[in-house]
Amino acid sequence: MSTRPFAHLHCHSHYSLLDGAGAIPKLIARASEHGMNALALTDHGNLHGALEFYRTAKDANINPILGYEAYIAPNSRFEKGGGSMKESSFHLTLLAKNRQGFRNLIKMASAASLEGFYFKPRIDKQLLQDHREGIICLSGCVSSEFNRRILSGHADVSDLEPAMETARWFHEIFGDDYFIEIMNNGVE
């Protein structure tokens, strides 16, 4: 019986302030222990660990997948004010497929810090449209727009149309490079 290769595509390091605790060498060592041939680094709102991650993974013969978990402003990244920290952004996981994708991640992360900072460094859907080339987009964690629309407090969870509308928008932008993210995080 053969096993299929598996790679974590949503992984935070100590560069994800208040969320990730793992040092990059330990993350790579753990992936190697489990026989993974690839691992993604998707720190919150930054690419600070990308170079260290890339080099450490390559040294361990693990394919590094560079990405980041972006904070998406509900409207424009230039709009600041009103609402709580939670309401100021959604989460979205972005992975670079190639060099152009990594360049686009850098452009978005830079714009998030320089133009969109409100509680956190935020991008918006316009930046996603402008810099989508070479990017794989995952719907995101429980704090994503997709999941918040599913969990928006409706008594009838069979009404998934708001979430489907969100998924259709992202699929229109990213095409077959858009995926619904599924994770077992113990939340019930």
C-alpha atoms as a PDB file:
ATOM      1  CA  MET A   1       0.000   0.000   0.000  1.00  0.00           C
ATOM      2  CA  SER A   2       1.553   3.286  -1.069  1.00  0.00           C
ATOM      3  CA  THR A   3       1.023   6.535   0.738  1.00  0.00           C
ATOM      4  CA  ARG A   4       0.307   9.752  -1.075  1.00  0.00           C
ATOM      5  CA  PRO A   5       2.633  12.674  -0.442  1.00  0.00           C
ATOM      6  CA  PHE A   6       1.296  15.308   1.917  1.00  0.00           C
ATOM      7  CA  ALA A   7       2.393  18.884   2.502  1.00  0.00           C
ATOM      8  CA  HIS A   8       1.007  21.420   4.946  1.00  0.00           C
ATOM      9  CA  LEU A   9      -0.024  24.499   2.963  1.00  0.00           C
ATOM     10  CA  HIS A  10      -0.983  26.707   5.920  1.00  0.00           C
ATOM     11  CA  CYS A  11       1.848  26.934   8.421  1.00  0.00           C
ATOM     12  CA  HIS A  12       2.919  29.800  10.705  1.00  0.00           C
ATOM     13  CA  SER A  13       6.345  30.377  12.212  1.00  0.00           C
ATOM     14  CA  HIS A  14       7.509  32.679  14.976  1.00  0.00           C
ATOM     15  CA  TYR A  15       7.246  35.478  12.391  1.00  0.00           C
ATOM     16  CA  SER A  16       3.449  35.341  12.876  1.00  0.00           C
ATOM     17  CA  LEU A  17       3.275  37.506  15.963  1.00  0.00           C
ATOM     18  CA  LEU A  18       0.854  36.241  18.623  1.00  0.00           C
ATOM     19  CA  ASP A  19      -0.028  33.189  16.521  1.00  0.00           C
ATOM     20  CA  GLY A  20       3.009  31.129  15.505  1.00  0.00           C
ATOM     21  CA  ALA A  21       5.547  29.788  17.964  1.00  0.00           C
ATOM     22  CA  GLY A  22       7.628  27.432  15.839  1.00  0.00           C
ATOM     23  CA  ALA A  23      11.104  28.426  14.769  1.00  0.00           C
ATOM     24  CA  ILE A  24      11.704  27.705  11.094  1.00  0.00           C
ATOM     25  CA  PRO A  25      14.453  25.077  11.643  1.00  0.00           C
ATOM     26  CA  LYS A  26      12.101  23.168  13.967  1.00  0.00           C
ATOM     27  CA  LEU A  27       9.243  23.317  11.458  1.00  0.00           C
ATOM     28  CA  ILE A  28      11.514  21.950   8.731  1.00  0.00           C
ATOM     29  CA  ALA A  29      12.867  19.226  11.028  1.00  0.00           C
ATOM     30  CA  ARG A  30       9.330  18.171  11.940  1.00  0.00           C
ATOM     31  CA  ALA A  31       8.265  18.058   8.277  1.00  0.00           C
ATOM     32  CA  SER A  32      11.312  15.926   7.524  1.00  0.00           C
ATOM     33  CA  GLU A  33      10.503  13.553  10.423  1.00  0.00           C
ATOM     34  CA  HIS A  34       7.068  13.020   8.904  1.00  0.00           C
ATOM     35  CA  GLY A  35       8.491  12.311   5.460  1.00  0.00           C
ATOM     36  CA  MET A  36       7.059  15.418   3.836  1.00  0.00           C
ATOM     37  CA  ASN A  37       8.747  16.474   0.623  1.00  0.00           C
ATOM     38  CA  ALA A  38       7.283  20.003   0.702  1.00  0.00           C
ATOM     39  CA  LEU A  39       6.038  22.575   3.199  1.00  0.00           C
ATOM     40  CA  ALA A  40       4.470  26.023   2.877  1.00  0.00           C
ATOM     41  CA  LEU A  41       5.226  28.980   5.115  1.00  0.00           C
ATOM     42  CA  THR A  42       2.219  31.309   5.368  1.00  0.00           C
ATOM     43  CA  ASP A  43       2.934  33.782   8.138  1.00  0.00           C
ATOM     44  CA  HIS A  44       0.344  36.405   9.027  1.00  0.00           C
ATOM     45  CA  GLY A  45       0.669  39.607   7.029  1.00  0.00           C
ATOM     46  CA  ASN A  46       4.376  39.340   6.198  1.00  0.00           C
ATOM     47  CA  LEU A  47       7.117  37.503   4.341  1.00  0.00           C
ATOM     48  CA  HIS A  48       9.822  38.117   6.958  1.00  0.00           C
ATOM     49  CA  GLY A  49      10.735  34.437   7.245  1.00  0.00           C
ATOM     50  CA  ALA A  50      10.759  33.657   3.511  1.00  0.00           C
ATOM     51  CA  LEU A  51      14.531  33.675   2.940  1.00  0.00           C
ATOM     52  CA  GLU A  52      15.356  31.717   6.102  1.00  0.00           C
ATOM     53  CA  PHE A  53      12.571  29.245   5.298  1.00  0.00           C
ATOM     54  CA  TYR A  54      13.692  28.812   1.680  1.00  0.00           C
ATOM     55  CA  ARG A  55      17.326  28.146   2.596  1.00  0.00           C
ATOM     56  CA  THR A  56      16.537  25.874   5.546  1.00  0.00           C
ATOM     57  CA  ALA A  57      14.044  23.818   3.534  1.00  0.00           C
ATOM     58  CA  LYS A  58      16.420  23.455   0.572  1.00  0.00           C
ATOM     59  CA  ASP A  59      19.221  22.312   2.915  1.00  0.00           C
ATOM     60  CA  ALA A  60      16.862  19.610   4.235  1.00  0.00           C
ATOM     61  CA  ASN A  61      15.760  18.522   0.725  1.00  0.00           C
ATOM     62  CA  ILE A  62      12.248  19.817   1.329  1.00  0.00           C
ATOM     63  CA  ASN A  63      10.571  21.870  -1.386  1.00  0.00           C
ATOM     64  CA  PRO A  64       9.762  25.284   0.106  1.00  0.00           C
ATOM     65  CA  ILE A  65       6.414  26.782  -0.830  1.00  0.00           C
ATOM     66  CA  LEU A  66       6.514  30.513  -0.179  1.00  0.00           C
ATOM     67  CA  GLY A  67       3.306  32.232   0.767  1.00  0.00           C
ATOM     68  CA  TYR A  68       1.582  34.328   3.317  1.00  0.00           C
ATOM     69  CA  GLU A  69      -1.727  34.640   5.064  1.00  0.00           C
ATOM     70  CA  ALA A  70      -2.950  38.016   3.920  1.00  0.00           C
ATOM     71  CA  TYR A  71      -5.334  40.254   5.773  1.00  0.00           C
ATOM     72  CA  ILE A  72      -8.001  41.470   3.332  1.00  0.00           C
ATOM     73  CA  ALA A  73      -9.821  44.760   3.946  1.00  0.00           C
ATOM     74  CA  PRO A  74     -13.601  44.351   3.554  1.00  0.00           C
ATOM     75  CA  ASN A  75     -13.620  47.219   1.058  1.00  0.00           C
ATOM     76  CA  SER A  76     -10.582  49.341   0.198  1.00  0.00           C
ATOM     77  CA  ARG A  77      -7.243  49.027   1.971  1.00  0.00           C
ATOM     78  CA  PHE A  78      -7.223  52.832   2.118  1.00  0.00           C
ATOM     79  CA  GLU A  79     -10.361  52.926   4.305  1.00  0.00           C
ATOM     80  CA  LYS A  80      -9.412  53.220   7.943  1.00  0.00           C
ATOM     81  CA  GLY A  81     -11.744  53.660  10.837  1.00  0.00           C
ATOM     82  CA  GLY A  82     -14.940  52.217  12.162  1.00  0.00           C
ATOM     83  CA  GLY A  83     -15.442  48.705  13.329  1.00  0.00           C
ATOM     84  CA  SER A  84     -13.405  46.461  15.550  1.00  0.00           C
ATOM     85  CA  MET A  85     -10.084  44.777  14.844  1.00  0.00           C
ATOM     86  CA  LYS A  86     -11.962  41.608  13.828  1.00  0.00           C
ATOM     87  CA  GLU A  87     -14.187  43.559  11.425  1.00  0.00           C
ATOM     88  CA  SER A  88     -11.209  45.350   9.852  1.00  0.00           C
ATOM     89  CA  SER A  89     -10.026  42.339   7.836  1.00  0.00           C
ATOM     90  CA  PHE A  90     -10.529  38.789   6.626  1.00  0.00           C
ATOM     91  CA  HIS A  91      -7.790  36.165   6.276  1.00  0.00           C
ATOM     92  CA  LEU A  92      -6.745  34.654   2.930  1.00  0.00           C
ATOM     93  CA  THR A  93      -3.939  32.175   2.212  1.00  0.00           C
ATOM     94  CA  LEU A  94      -1.772  32.991  -0.820  1.00  0.00           C
ATOM     95  CA  LEU A  95       0.979  30.744  -2.234  1.00  0.00           C
ATOM     96  CA  ALA A  96       3.571  31.550  -4.890  1.00  0.00           C
ATOM     97  CA  LYS A  97       3.612  29.118  -7.834  1.00  0.00           C
ATOM     98  CA  ASN A  98       6.759  30.622  -9.332  1.00  0.00           C
ATOM     99  CA  ARG A  99       9.085  33.657  -9.248  1.00  0.00           C
ATOM    100  CA  GLN A 100       6.418  35.968 -10.621  1.00  0.00           C
ATOM    101  CA  GLY A 101       4.061  34.791  -7.909  1.00  0.00           C
ATOM    102  CA  PHE A 102       6.659  35.509  -5.230  1.00  0.00           C
ATOM    103  CA  ARG A 103       7.263  38.973  -6.707  1.00  0.00           C
ATOM    104  CA  ASN A 104       3.530  39.584  -6.526  1.00  0.00           C
ATOM    105  CA  LEU A 105       3.413  38.422  -2.904  1.00  0.00           C
ATOM    106  CA  ILE A 106       6.191  40.913  -2.114  1.00  0.00           C
ATOM    107  CA  LYS A 107       4.273  43.717  -3.863  1.00  0.00           C
ATOM    108  CA  MET A 108       1.084  42.907  -1.969  1.00  0.00           C
ATOM    109  CA  ALA A 109       2.792  42.535   1.419  1.00  0.00           C
ATOM    110  CA  SER A 110       4.604  45.845   0.899  1.00  0.00           C
ATOM    111  CA  ALA A 111       1.414  47.667  -0.116  1.00  0.00           C
ATOM    112  CA  ALA A 112      -0.364  46.143   2.883  1.00  0.00           C
ATOM    113  CA  SER A 113       2.163  47.670   5.281  1.00  0.00           C
ATOM    114  CA  LEU A 114       2.593  50.995   3.493  1.00  0.00           C
ATOM    115  CA  GLU A 115      -0.967  51.709   2.336  1.00  0.00           C
ATOM    116  CA  GLY A 116      -3.382  49.393   4.090  1.00  0.00           C
ATOM    117  CA  PHE A 117      -2.268  49.288   7.704  1.00  0.00           C
ATOM    118  CA  TYR A 118      -5.248  49.512  10.035  1.00  0.00           C
ATOM    119  CA  PHE A 119      -4.782  47.292  13.094  1.00  0.00           C
ATOM    120  CA  LYS A 120      -2.892  44.966  10.717  1.00  0.00           C
ATOM    121  CA  PRO A 121      -1.248  45.207   7.278  1.00  0.00           C
ATOM    122  CA  ARG A 122      -4.171  44.756   4.841  1.00  0.00           C
ATOM    123  CA  ILE A 123      -4.513  44.299   1.122  1.00  0.00           C
ATOM    124  CA  ASP A 124      -7.777  44.520  -0.794  1.00  0.00           C
ATOM    125  CA  LYS A 125      -9.460  42.762  -3.684  1.00  0.00           C
ATOM    126  CA  GLN A 126      -8.113  45.314  -6.170  1.00  0.00           C
ATOM    127  CA  LEU A 127      -4.524  44.385  -5.226  1.00  0.00           C
ATOM    128  CA  LEU A 128      -5.437  40.705  -5.593  1.00  0.00           C
ATOM    129  CA  GLN A 129      -6.759  41.349  -9.093  1.00  0.00           C
ATOM    130  CA  ASP A 130      -3.710  43.403 -10.072  1.00  0.00           C
ATOM    131  CA  HIS A 131      -1.151  40.916  -8.685  1.00  0.00           C
ATOM    132  CA  ARG A 132      -2.805  37.513  -9.155  1.00  0.00           C
ATOM    133  CA  GLU A 133      -0.311  36.152 -11.686  1.00  0.00           C
ATOM    134  CA  GLY A 134       1.627  33.182 -10.332  1.00  0.00           C
ATOM    135  CA  ILE A 135      -0.508  32.943  -7.181  1.00  0.00           C
ATOM    136  CA  ILE A 136      -2.489  30.026  -5.777  1.00  0.00           C
ATOM    137  CA  CYS A 137      -5.291  31.241  -3.527  1.00  0.00           C
ATOM    138  CA  LEU A 138      -6.743  29.155  -0.691  1.00  0.00           C
ATOM    139  CA  SER A 139     -10.050  30.263   0.827  1.00  0.00           C
ATOM    140  CA  GLY A 140      -8.455  30.685   4.255  1.00  0.00           C
ATOM    141  CA  CYS A 141      -9.020  29.717   7.858  1.00  0.00           C
ATOM    142  CA  VAL A 142     -12.071  30.216  10.065  1.00  0.00           C
ATOM    143  CA  SER A 143     -11.408  33.996   9.891  1.00  0.00           C
ATOM    144  CA  SER A 144     -11.682  34.099   6.095  1.00  0.00           C
ATOM    145  CA  GLU A 145     -14.479  35.884   4.272  1.00  0.00           C
ATOM    146  CA  PHE A 146     -15.679  32.519   2.936  1.00  0.00           C
ATOM    147  CA  ASN A 147     -15.888  30.906   6.378  1.00  0.00           C
ATOM    148  CA  ARG A 148     -17.306  33.962   8.126  1.00  0.00           C
ATOM    149  CA  ARG A 149     -20.125  33.950   5.589  1.00  0.00           C
ATOM    150  CA  ILE A 150     -20.796  30.290   6.368  1.00  0.00           C
ATOM    151  CA  LEU A 151     -20.699  30.934  10.124  1.00  0.00           C
ATOM    152  CA  SER A 152     -22.475  34.305  10.070  1.00  0.00           C
ATOM    153  CA  GLY A 153     -25.007  33.225  12.662  1.00  0.00           C
ATOM    154  CA  HIS A 154     -27.760  32.102  10.334  1.00  0.00           C
ATOM    155  CA  ALA A 155     -30.064  29.641  12.054  1.00  0.00           C
ATOM    156  CA  ASP A 156     -30.287  27.681   8.808  1.00  0.00           C
ATOM    157  CA  VAL A 157     -26.787  26.659   7.704  1.00  0.00           C
ATOM    158  CA  SER A 158     -28.271  25.263   4.493  1.00  0.00           C
ATOM    159  CA  ASP A 159     -28.214  28.839   3.139  1.00  0.00           C
ATOM    160  CA  LEU A 160     -24.695  28.844   1.753  1.00  0.00           C
ATOM    161  CA  GLU A 161     -25.358  31.406  -0.973  1.00  0.00           C
ATOM    162  CA  PRO A 162     -23.304  34.205   0.668  1.00  0.00           C
ATOM    163  CA  ALA A 163     -20.298  31.869   0.938  1.00  0.00           C
ATOM    164  CA  MET A 164     -20.835  30.598  -2.609  1.00  0.00           C
ATOM    165  CA  GLU A 165     -20.905  34.206  -3.861  1.00  0.00           C
ATOM    166  CA  THR A 166     -17.518  34.777  -2.211  1.00  0.00           C
ATOM    167  CA  ALA A 167     -16.094  31.556  -3.679  1.00  0.00           C
ATOM    168  CA  ARG A 168     -17.350  32.515  -7.149  1.00  0.00           C
ATOM    169  CA  TRP A 169     -15.607  35.908  -6.935  1.00  0.00           C
ATOM    170  CA  PHE A 170     -12.259  34.339  -6.003  1.00  0.00           C
ATOM    171  CA  HIS A 171     -12.666  31.617  -8.639  1.00  0.00           C
ATOM    172  CA  GLU A 172     -13.325  34.309 -11.245  1.00  0.00           C
ATOM    173  CA  ILE A 173     -10.014  35.991 -10.314  1.00  0.00           C
ATOM    174  CA  PHE A 174      -7.816  32.913  -9.756  1.00  0.00           C
ATOM    175  CA  GLY A 175      -9.585  30.308 -11.900  1.00  0.00           C
ATOM    176  CA  ASP A 176      -8.350  26.786 -11.215  1.00  0.00           C
ATOM    177  CA  ASP A 177      -5.757  28.226  -8.817  1.00  0.00           C
ATOM    178  CA  TYR A 178      -8.480  28.855  -6.205  1.00  0.00           C
ATOM    179  CA  PHE A 179      -9.126  26.134  -3.627  1.00  0.00           C
ATOM    180  CA  ILE A 180     -11.380  25.774  -0.600  1.00  0.00           C
ATOM    181  CA  GLU A 181      -9.144  25.326   2.437  1.00  0.00           C
ATOM    182  CA  ILE A 182     -10.083  22.531   4.824  1.00  0.00           C
ATOM    183  CA  MET A 183      -8.371  22.049   8.170  1.00  0.00           C
ATOM    184  CA  ASN A 184      -8.939  20.104  11.339  1.00  0.00           C
ATOM    185  CA  ASN A 185      -8.202  22.665  14.016  1.00  0.00           C
ATOM    186  CA  GLY A 186     -10.338  21.266  16.803  1.00  0.00           C
ATOM    187  CA  VAL A 187     -12.970  24.011  16.537  1.00  0.00           C
ATOM    188  CA  GLU A 188     -16.490  22.606  16.769  1.00  0.00           C
END
